C-alpha atoms as a PDB file:
ATOM      1  CA  MET A   1      29.971 -58.515 234.144  1.00  0.00           C
ATOM      2  CA  LYS A   2      33.683 -58.637 235.043  1.00  0.00           C
ATOM      3  CA  THR A   3      35.859 -55.561 235.739  1.00  0.00           C
ATOM      4  CA  GLU A   4      39.584 -55.335 234.961  1.00  0.00           C
ATOM      5  CA  THR A   5      42.047 -52.525 235.403  1.00  0.00           C
ATOM      6  CA  PHE A   6      43.411 -51.034 232.159  1.00  0.00           C
ATOM      7  CA  GLN A   7      46.861 -49.523 231.816  1.00  0.00           C
ATOM      8  CA  ILE A   8      49.009 -48.475 228.836  1.00  0.00           C
ATOM      9  CA  LYS A   9      51.851 -46.044 228.187  1.00  0.00           C
ATOM     10  CA  ARG A  10      51.809 -42.971 225.975  1.00  0.00           C
ATOM     11  CA  ASP A  11      55.339 -41.517 225.761  1.00  0.00           C
ATOM     12  CA  HIS A  12      56.456 -41.312 229.411  1.00  0.00           C
ATOM     13  CA  PHE A  13      52.886 -41.119 230.768  1.00  0.00           C
ATOM     14  CA  VAL A  14      50.680 -43.956 231.963  1.00  0.00           C
ATOM     15  CA  ILE A  15      46.992 -43.970 231.008  1.00  0.00           C
ATOM     16  CA  ARG A  16      44.749 -45.782 233.466  1.00  0.00           C
ATOM     17  CA  GLY A  17      41.167 -46.968 233.239  1.00  0.00           C
ATOM     18  CA  LYS A  18      38.690 -49.785 233.726  1.00  0.00           C
ATOM     19  CA  LEU A  19      37.419 -52.531 231.423  1.00  0.00           C
ATOM     20  CA  LEU A  20      33.881 -53.764 231.936  1.00  0.00           C
ATOM     21  CA  LEU A  21      33.683 -57.130 230.226  1.00  0.00           C
ATOM     22  CA  THR A  22      30.785 -59.306 229.090  1.00  0.00           C
ATOM     23  CA  GLU A  23      30.649 -63.106 228.910  1.00  0.00           C
ATOM     24  CA  LYS A  24      31.250 -63.213 225.171  1.00  0.00           C
ATOM     25  CA  GLU A  25      34.615 -64.485 223.942  1.00  0.00           C
ATOM     26  CA  VAL A  26      35.056 -61.931 221.163  1.00  0.00           C
ATOM     27  CA  SER A  27      32.813 -58.908 221.164  1.00  0.00           C
ATOM     28  CA  ASP A  28      32.415 -55.306 220.187  1.00  0.00           C
ATOM     29  CA  ILE A  29      33.561 -52.560 222.554  1.00  0.00           C
ATOM     30  CA  VAL A  30      32.572 -49.008 223.482  1.00  0.00           C
ATOM     31  CA  ILE A  31      35.387 -46.671 224.514  1.00  0.00           C
ATOM     32  CA  ILE A  32      34.233 -43.846 226.769  1.00  0.00           C
ATOM     33  CA  SER A  33      36.163 -40.538 226.945  1.00  0.00           C
ATOM     34  CA  LEU A  34      35.282 -38.263 229.851  1.00  0.00           C
ATOM     35  CA  GLY A  35      35.028 -34.463 229.876  1.00  0.00           C
ATOM     36  CA  LEU A  36      37.457 -31.886 231.249  1.00  0.00           C
ATOM     37  CA  GLY A  37      37.606 -31.876 235.042  1.00  0.00           C
ATOM     38  CA  THR A  38      36.017 -35.305 235.527  1.00  0.00           C
ATOM     39  CA  GLY A  39      37.453 -38.743 236.179  1.00  0.00           C
ATOM     40  CA  ILE A  40      36.669 -42.390 236.645  1.00  0.00           C
ATOM     41  CA  SER A  41      37.126 -42.074 240.376  1.00  0.00           C
ATOM     42  CA  ALA A  42      33.667 -40.464 240.479  1.00  0.00           C
ATOM     43  CA  ALA A  43      30.920 -43.064 240.896  1.00  0.00           C
ATOM     44  CA  SER A  44      28.684 -41.145 238.451  1.00  0.00           C
ATOM     45  CA  SER A  45      31.233 -41.696 235.663  1.00  0.00           C
ATOM     46  CA  PHE A  46      30.425 -45.411 235.630  1.00  0.00           C
ATOM     47  CA  TYR A  47      26.650 -45.021 235.305  1.00  0.00           C
ATOM     48  CA  GLU A  48      26.560 -44.993 231.499  1.00  0.00           C
ATOM     49  CA  ALA A  49      29.348 -47.558 231.226  1.00  0.00           C
ATOM     50  CA  GLU A  50      27.486 -50.087 233.355  1.00  0.00           C
ATOM     51  CA  LYS A  51      24.278 -49.490 231.447  1.00  0.00           C
ATOM     52  CA  ILE A  52      26.009 -50.183 228.152  1.00  0.00           C
ATOM     53  CA  CYS A  53      27.729 -53.311 229.476  1.00  0.00           C
ATOM     54  CA  GLN A  54      24.349 -54.689 230.501  1.00  0.00           C
ATOM     55  CA  THR A  55      23.475 -54.786 226.738  1.00  0.00           C
ATOM     56  CA  ASN A  56      26.214 -57.419 226.257  1.00  0.00           C
ATOM     57  CA  LYS A  57      28.862 -54.938 225.033  1.00  0.00           C
ATOM     58  CA  ASN A  58      32.302 -54.483 226.491  1.00  0.00           C
ATOM     59  CA  VAL A  59      33.143 -51.021 227.761  1.00  0.00           C
ATOM     60  CA  LEU A  60      36.476 -49.268 228.366  1.00  0.00           C
ATOM     61  CA  ILE A  61      36.462 -46.100 230.405  1.00  0.00           C
ATOM     62  CA  PHE A  62      39.653 -44.200 231.141  1.00  0.00           C
ATOM     63  CA  ASP A  63      41.207 -40.951 232.389  1.00  0.00           C
ATOM     64  CA  PHE A  64      43.065 -38.662 230.062  1.00  0.00           C
ATOM     65  CA  VAL A  65      46.649 -37.738 230.928  1.00  0.00           C
ATOM     66  CA  GLY A  66      46.316 -34.512 232.920  1.00  0.00           C
ATOM     67  CA  GLY A  67      42.570 -34.617 232.245  1.00  0.00           C
ATOM     68  CA  SER A  68      41.643 -33.359 235.711  1.00  0.00           C
ATOM     69  CA  SER A  69      42.894 -32.916 239.249  1.00  0.00           C
ATOM     70  CA  VAL A  70      41.318 -36.315 240.066  1.00  0.00           C
ATOM     71  CA  SER A  71      42.637 -38.181 237.010  1.00  0.00           C
ATOM     72  CA  GLN A  72      44.044 -41.638 237.812  1.00  0.00           C
ATOM     73  CA  SER A  73      46.358 -41.331 234.767  1.00  0.00           C
ATOM     74  CA  ASP A  74      49.651 -39.512 234.886  1.00  0.00           C
ATOM     75  CA  GLY A  75      50.241 -35.901 234.068  1.00  0.00           C
ATOM     76  CA  LYS A  76      49.197 -32.472 235.201  1.00  0.00           C
ATOM     77  CA  THR A  77      46.337 -30.404 233.778  1.00  0.00           C
ATOM     78  CA  THR A  78      48.908 -27.821 232.725  1.00  0.00           C
ATOM     79  CA  GLU A  79      50.439 -30.467 230.393  1.00  0.00           C
ATOM     80  CA  MET A  80      47.131 -31.328 228.756  1.00  0.00           C
ATOM     81  CA  SER A  81      45.533 -30.079 225.549  1.00  0.00           C
ATOM     82  CA  ILE A  82      42.890 -31.342 223.155  1.00  0.00           C
ATOM     83  CA  LEU A  83      45.664 -32.710 220.944  1.00  0.00           C
ATOM     84  CA  THR A  84      47.373 -34.539 223.813  1.00  0.00           C
ATOM     85  CA  GLU A  85      44.015 -36.096 224.587  1.00  0.00           C
ATOM     86  CA  VAL A  86      43.709 -37.114 220.931  1.00  0.00           C
ATOM     87  CA  LYS A  87      47.067 -38.924 221.322  1.00  0.00           C
ATOM     88  CA  ASP A  88      45.752 -40.598 224.471  1.00  0.00           C
ATOM     89  CA  LEU A  89      42.591 -41.867 222.772  1.00  0.00           C
ATOM     90  CA  GLU A  90      44.561 -43.053 219.735  1.00  0.00           C
ATOM     91  CA  CYS A  91      46.788 -45.116 222.085  1.00  0.00           C
ATOM     92  CA  VAL A  92      43.687 -46.577 223.748  1.00  0.00           C
ATOM     93  CA  VAL A  93      42.141 -47.466 220.366  1.00  0.00           C
ATOM     94  CA  ASN A  94      45.341 -49.117 219.181  1.00  0.00           C
ATOM     95  CA  SER A  95      45.476 -51.127 222.406  1.00  0.00           C
ATOM     96  CA  VAL A  96      41.906 -52.386 221.836  1.00  0.00           C
ATOM     97  CA  ILE A  97      42.678 -53.226 218.206  1.00  0.00           C
ATOM     98  CA  SER A  98      45.592 -55.449 219.311  1.00  0.00           C
ATOM     99  CA  ASP A  99      43.539 -57.176 221.982  1.00  0.00           C
ATOM    100  CA  ASP A 100      42.185 -60.577 220.701  1.00  0.00           C
ATOM    101  CA  ARG A 101      39.212 -60.405 223.007  1.00  0.00           C
ATOM    102  CA  PHE A 102      37.604 -57.602 220.993  1.00  0.00           C
ATOM    103  CA  ASP A 103      36.316 -57.379 217.474  1.00  0.00           C
ATOM    104  CA  ASN A 104      38.512 -54.680 215.984  1.00  0.00           C
ATOM    105  CA  LYS A 105      35.846 -53.964 213.333  1.00  0.00           C
ATOM    106  CA  ALA A 106      33.269 -53.126 215.953  1.00  0.00           C
ATOM    107  CA  ILE A 107      34.719 -50.186 217.946  1.00  0.00           C
ATOM    108  CA  THR A 108      32.417 -47.386 219.054  1.00  0.00           C
ATOM    109  CA  LEU A 109      33.692 -44.114 220.531  1.00  0.00           C
ATOM    110  CA  LEU A 110      31.497 -42.381 223.107  1.00  0.00           C
ATOM    111  CA  GLY A 111      32.599 -39.030 224.451  1.00  0.00           C
ATOM    112  CA  PHE A 112      31.299 -36.465 226.936  1.00  0.00           C
ATOM    113  CA  SER A 113      31.884 -32.727 226.479  1.00  0.00           C
ATOM    114  CA  GLN A 114      35.591 -32.196 225.725  1.00  0.00           C
ATOM    115  CA  GLY A 115      35.915 -35.985 225.500  1.00  0.00           C
ATOM    116  CA  GLY A 116      33.266 -35.789 222.802  1.00  0.00           C
ATOM    117  CA  LEU A 117      35.285 -33.236 220.864  1.00  0.00           C
ATOM    118  CA  VAL A 118      38.388 -35.510 221.182  1.00  0.00           C
ATOM    119  CA  SER A 119      36.360 -38.546 220.094  1.00  0.00           C
ATOM    120  CA  ALA A 120      35.087 -36.700 217.048  1.00  0.00           C
ATOM    121  CA  LEU A 121      38.664 -35.805 216.040  1.00  0.00           C
ATOM    122  CA  VAL A 122      39.931 -39.364 216.541  1.00  0.00           C
ATOM    123  CA  ALA A 123      37.061 -40.781 214.481  1.00  0.00           C
ATOM    124  CA  ALA A 124      37.777 -38.331 211.699  1.00  0.00           C
ATOM    125  CA  ARG A 125      41.458 -39.198 211.693  1.00  0.00           C
ATOM    126  CA  HIS A 126      40.901 -42.960 211.873  1.00  0.00           C
ATOM    127  CA  PRO A 127      37.559 -43.631 210.137  1.00  0.00           C
ATOM    128  CA  GLU A 128      38.612 -47.124 209.180  1.00  0.00           C
ATOM    129  CA  ALA A 129      38.937 -48.150 212.805  1.00  0.00           C
ATOM    130  CA  ILE A 130      35.826 -46.523 214.278  1.00  0.00           C
ATOM    131  CA  GLN A 131      32.462 -47.980 213.332  1.00  0.00           C
ATOM    132  CA  LYS A 132      30.129 -45.678 215.305  1.00  0.00           C
ATOM    133  CA  LEU A 133      30.458 -42.374 217.168  1.00  0.00           C
ATOM    134  CA  ILE A 134      28.327 -41.207 220.096  1.00  0.00           C
ATOM    135  CA  LEU A 135      28.702 -37.670 221.447  1.00  0.00           C
ATOM    136  CA  PHE A 136      27.098 -36.418 224.667  1.00  0.00           C
ATOM    137  CA  TYR A 137      26.915 -32.617 224.653  1.00  0.00           C
ATOM    138  CA  PRO A 138      30.223 -32.378 222.702  1.00  0.00           C
ATOM    139  CA  ALA A 139      32.242 -29.214 223.427  1.00  0.00           C
ATOM    140  CA  PHE A 140      32.486 -28.233 219.794  1.00  0.00           C
ATOM    141  CA  SER A 141      32.620 -24.574 220.705  1.00  0.00           C
ATOM    142  CA  ILE A 142      35.918 -24.796 222.679  1.00  0.00           C
ATOM    143  CA  PRO A 143      38.245 -24.010 219.746  1.00  0.00           C
ATOM    144  CA  ASP A 144      36.326 -20.882 218.620  1.00  0.00           C
ATOM    145  CA  THR A 145      35.868 -19.664 222.221  1.00  0.00           C
ATOM    146  CA  VAL A 146      39.524 -20.101 223.195  1.00  0.00           C
ATOM    147  CA  LYS A 147      40.746 -18.507 219.911  1.00  0.00           C
ATOM    148  CA  LYS A 148      38.539 -15.459 220.471  1.00  0.00           C
ATOM    149  CA  MET A 149      39.739 -15.154 224.106  1.00  0.00           C
ATOM    150  CA  SER A 150      43.442 -15.407 223.206  1.00  0.00           C
ATOM    151  CA  HIS A 151      43.836 -14.120 219.690  1.00  0.00           C
ATOM    152  CA  HIS A 152      45.522 -10.904 220.914  1.00  0.00           C
ATOM    153  CA  ILE A 153      48.053 -12.701 223.090  1.00  0.00           C
ATOM    154  CA  PRO A 154      51.272 -13.811 221.329  1.00  0.00           C
ATOM    155  CA  ALA A 155      52.458 -17.305 222.207  1.00  0.00           C
ATOM    156  CA  PHE A 156      55.521 -16.125 224.123  1.00  0.00           C
ATOM    157  CA  LEU A 157      53.323 -13.989 226.422  1.00  0.00           C
ATOM    158  CA  MET A 158      50.860 -16.754 227.235  1.00  0.00           C
ATOM    159  CA  PRO A 159      50.493 -17.181 231.014  1.00  0.00           C
ATOM    160  CA  LYS A 160      51.945 -20.380 232.509  1.00  0.00           C
ATOM    161  CA  LYS A 161      48.695 -21.112 234.241  1.00  0.00           C
ATOM    162  CA  MET A 162      45.127 -20.264 233.320  1.00  0.00           C
ATOM    163  CA  ASN A 163      41.936 -20.923 235.254  1.00  0.00           C
ATOM    164  CA  ILE A 164      39.167 -22.014 232.856  1.00  0.00           C
ATOM    165  CA  ASP A 165      35.994 -23.048 234.564  1.00  0.00           C
ATOM    166  CA  GLY A 166      37.975 -24.108 237.650  1.00  0.00           C
ATOM    167  CA  ASN A 167      40.509 -26.102 235.673  1.00  0.00           C
ATOM    168  CA  ILE A 168      44.136 -24.979 235.823  1.00  0.00           C
ATOM    169  CA  LEU A 169      45.443 -25.232 232.263  1.00  0.00           C
ATOM    170  CA  GLY A 170      48.822 -24.410 230.673  1.00  0.00           C
ATOM    171  CA  PRO A 171      49.810 -22.513 227.527  1.00  0.00           C
ATOM    172  CA  ILE A 172      49.904 -25.766 225.526  1.00  0.00           C
ATOM    173  CA  PHE A 173      46.122 -25.877 225.703  1.00  0.00           C
ATOM    174  CA  VAL A 174      45.762 -22.557 223.825  1.00  0.00           C
ATOM    175  CA  LYS A 175      48.691 -23.280 221.524  1.00  0.00           C
ATOM    176  CA  ASP A 176      47.178 -26.571 220.389  1.00  0.00           C
ATOM    177  CA  VAL A 177      43.632 -25.198 220.098  1.00  0.00           C
ATOM    178  CA  ARG A 178      44.902 -22.637 217.569  1.00  0.00           C
ATOM    179  CA  LYS A 179      45.816 -25.595 215.300  1.00  0.00           C
ATOM    180  CA  LEU A 180      42.333 -27.092 215.241  1.00  0.00           C
ATOM    181  CA  HIS A 181      39.808 -26.886 212.453  1.00  0.00           C
ATOM    182  CA  ILE A 182      37.173 -29.221 213.803  1.00  0.00           C
ATOM    183  CA  TRP A 183      34.552 -28.823 211.058  1.00  0.00           C
ATOM    184  CA  LYS A 184      37.028 -29.409 208.248  1.00  0.00           C
ATOM    185  CA  GLU A 185      38.205 -32.579 209.991  1.00  0.00           C
ATOM    186  CA  SER A 186      34.803 -33.886 211.021  1.00  0.00           C
ATOM    187  CA  LYS A 187      33.670 -34.272 207.393  1.00  0.00           C
ATOM    188  CA  LYS A 188      36.167 -37.157 207.001  1.00  0.00           C
ATOM    189  CA  TYR A 189      33.960 -39.340 209.245  1.00  0.00           C
ATOM    190  CA  GLN A 190      30.826 -40.470 207.393  1.00  0.00           C
ATOM    191  CA  LYS A 191      29.827 -43.515 209.400  1.00  0.00           C
ATOM    192  CA  PRO A 192      26.896 -43.419 211.868  1.00  0.00           C
ATOM    193  CA  VAL A 193      27.009 -40.560 214.410  1.00  0.00           C
ATOM    194  CA  LEU A 194      24.659 -39.902 217.361  1.00  0.00           C
ATOM    195  CA  ILE A 195      24.762 -36.527 219.079  1.00  0.00           C
ATOM    196  CA  ILE A 196      22.791 -36.000 222.296  1.00  0.00           C
ATOM    197  CA  TYR A 197      22.628 -32.455 223.623  1.00  0.00           C
ATOM    198  CA  GLY A 198      20.665 -30.175 225.867  1.00  0.00           C
ATOM    199  CA  GLU A 199      18.167 -27.624 224.597  1.00  0.00           C
ATOM    200  CA  LYS A 200      19.827 -24.941 226.727  1.00  0.00           C
ATOM    201  CA  ASP A 201      23.474 -26.018 226.454  1.00  0.00           C
ATOM    202  CA  PRO A 202      25.771 -22.943 226.304  1.00  0.00           C
ATOM    203  CA  ILE A 203      28.737 -25.024 225.053  1.00  0.00           C
ATOM    204  CA  CYS A 204      27.213 -27.478 222.558  1.00  0.00           C
ATOM    205  CA  THR A 205      25.192 -24.633 221.042  1.00  0.00           C
ATOM    206  CA  GLN A 206      22.534 -24.645 218.340  1.00  0.00           C
ATOM    207  CA  ALA A 207      25.146 -23.158 215.992  1.00  0.00           C
ATOM    208  CA  CYS A 208      27.390 -26.162 216.695  1.00  0.00           C
ATOM    209  CA  ILE A 209      24.503 -28.524 215.944  1.00  0.00           C
ATOM    210  CA  SER A 210      23.893 -26.758 212.643  1.00  0.00           C
ATOM    211  CA  LYS A 211      27.531 -27.212 211.710  1.00  0.00           C
ATOM    212  CA  ALA A 212      27.361 -30.881 212.758  1.00  0.00           C
ATOM    213  CA  LYS A 213      24.403 -31.362 210.450  1.00  0.00           C
ATOM    214  CA  ALA A 214      26.421 -29.955 207.579  1.00  0.00           C
ATOM    215  CA  SER A 215      29.464 -32.132 208.391  1.00  0.00           C
ATOM    216  CA  TYR A 216      28.009 -35.586 209.132  1.00  0.00           C
ATOM    217  CA  SER A 217      26.085 -37.308 206.384  1.00  0.00           C
ATOM    218  CA  ASN A 218      24.907 -40.158 208.664  1.00  0.00           C
ATOM    219  CA  LEU A 219      23.763 -38.242 211.740  1.00  0.00           C
ATOM    220  CA  GLN A 220      21.115 -38.819 214.378  1.00  0.00           C
ATOM    221  CA  LEU A 221      20.274 -36.072 216.855  1.00  0.00           C
ATOM    222  CA  LEU A 222      18.507 -36.157 220.230  1.00  0.00           C
ATOM    223  CA  GLU A 223      17.773 -32.810 221.922  1.00  0.00           C
ATOM    224  CA  ILE A 224      16.981 -33.180 225.639  1.00  0.00           C
ATOM    225  CA  PRO A 225      14.364 -30.525 226.660  1.00  0.00           C
ATOM    226  CA  GLU A 226      15.408 -28.092 229.323  1.00  0.00           C
ATOM    227  CA  ALA A 227      18.805 -29.687 229.700  1.00  0.00           C
ATOM    228  CA  GLY A 228      22.066 -27.753 229.815  1.00  0.00           C
ATOM    229  CA  HIS A 229      25.667 -28.916 229.621  1.00  0.00           C
ATOM    230  CA  GLY A 230      25.236 -32.155 231.544  1.00  0.00           C
ATOM    231  CA  PHE A 231      22.170 -34.204 232.307  1.00  0.00           C
ATOM    232  CA  SER A 232      20.158 -35.227 235.340  1.00  0.00           C
ATOM    233  CA  LYS A 233      19.649 -38.925 235.979  1.00  0.00           C
ATOM    234  CA  GLU A 234      16.231 -38.828 234.312  1.00  0.00           C
ATOM    235  CA  GLN A 235      17.677 -36.997 231.283  1.00  0.00           C
ATOM    236  CA  THR A 236      20.567 -39.485 231.162  1.00  0.00           C
ATOM    237  CA  ASP A 237      18.152 -42.407 231.071  1.00  0.00           C
ATOM    238  CA  THR A 238      16.359 -40.799 228.139  1.00  0.00           C
ATOM    239  CA  ALA A 239      19.711 -40.370 226.411  1.00  0.00           C
ATOM    240  CA  MET A 240      20.734 -43.964 227.149  1.00  0.00           C
ATOM    241  CA  ASN A 241      17.577 -45.321 225.471  1.00  0.00           C
ATOM    242  CA  ALA A 242      18.723 -43.579 222.299  1.00  0.00           C
ATOM    243  CA  VAL A 243      22.213 -45.026 222.743  1.00  0.00           C
ATOM    244  CA  PHE A 244      20.884 -48.535 223.091  1.00  0.00           C
ATOM    245  CA  SER A 245      18.897 -48.214 219.841  1.00  0.00           C
ATOM    246  CA  PHE A 246      21.900 -46.709 218.063  1.00  0.00           C
ATOM    247  CA  LEU A 247      24.199 -49.576 219.145  1.00  0.00           C
ATOM    248  CA  LEU A 248      21.889 -52.313 217.914  1.00  0.00           C
END
C-alpha cells in the first residue's frame, strides 16, 4: 500500500485528503466522507480506509471544507452546510473520474453520519458515476431535526453562530437544510446500497431506516446490536465484514 496526499480546489477553497493506493495499475476506488466534527488527522479515521485498501481497492479519504475544527481542508465550520459538502464531494468525484489510475466505472461512496447523508445526496444526483453506496449510521434525521428547531426563526434573524453538539455552525447550515428533501432525492439512486446502523442510534433512527427501505430498491441492511451513533472497534470489525462482502 502506498499513500499520497490529495489536494484539489473548490471555488477559493482547497480540499485536502489522503489516497491509499494498491499495486494495481487501474483499479476501483472507495471515496470516504467523514462525519461532522471529525477529520483525517485522527488516527481512528484511517482504520476503515486501511482495512478496505487491504482488499486491493484504492481509497480516498478527505476532509470537508469547514467540516470540523480539525479539518485539514480550508474553510470555517460557520461557512459549511450539507450543500457545501455536497459540492466538495462532487469535486472529489470529478477529480477521481479524470484520474487515469482509477476505473471511473467502479466508484463507491462510503460515508459516516453527516458524510453518509452527503454521500447519499451525491449518489442520487450522479447515479451514472457512482456504482455502489455504503452508509455508516447516516444522519438522515438532520434535515427534519434542524427544520423543527428553526422553523419559527426567519432567515434574517438567524444567529451568526450556533452550537450544535459542540460544533459552531453558521446560518448557512440552517438555510441550506431548509432546501433539502432527502427522501425525494434518494429514490433517484437504484444501484446497490448498504446501510450499517446501531440498534440504539438516536440519529439514524428506525424511522429513517423505514424510509430508506421505501426509497432504495437495491438495499442491504446491517443492524449492530446495542450500538448507538458510532461503533466500538469490535462493532466496526463486524461492520467491515459486511463491507468486504458488499464490495466483492
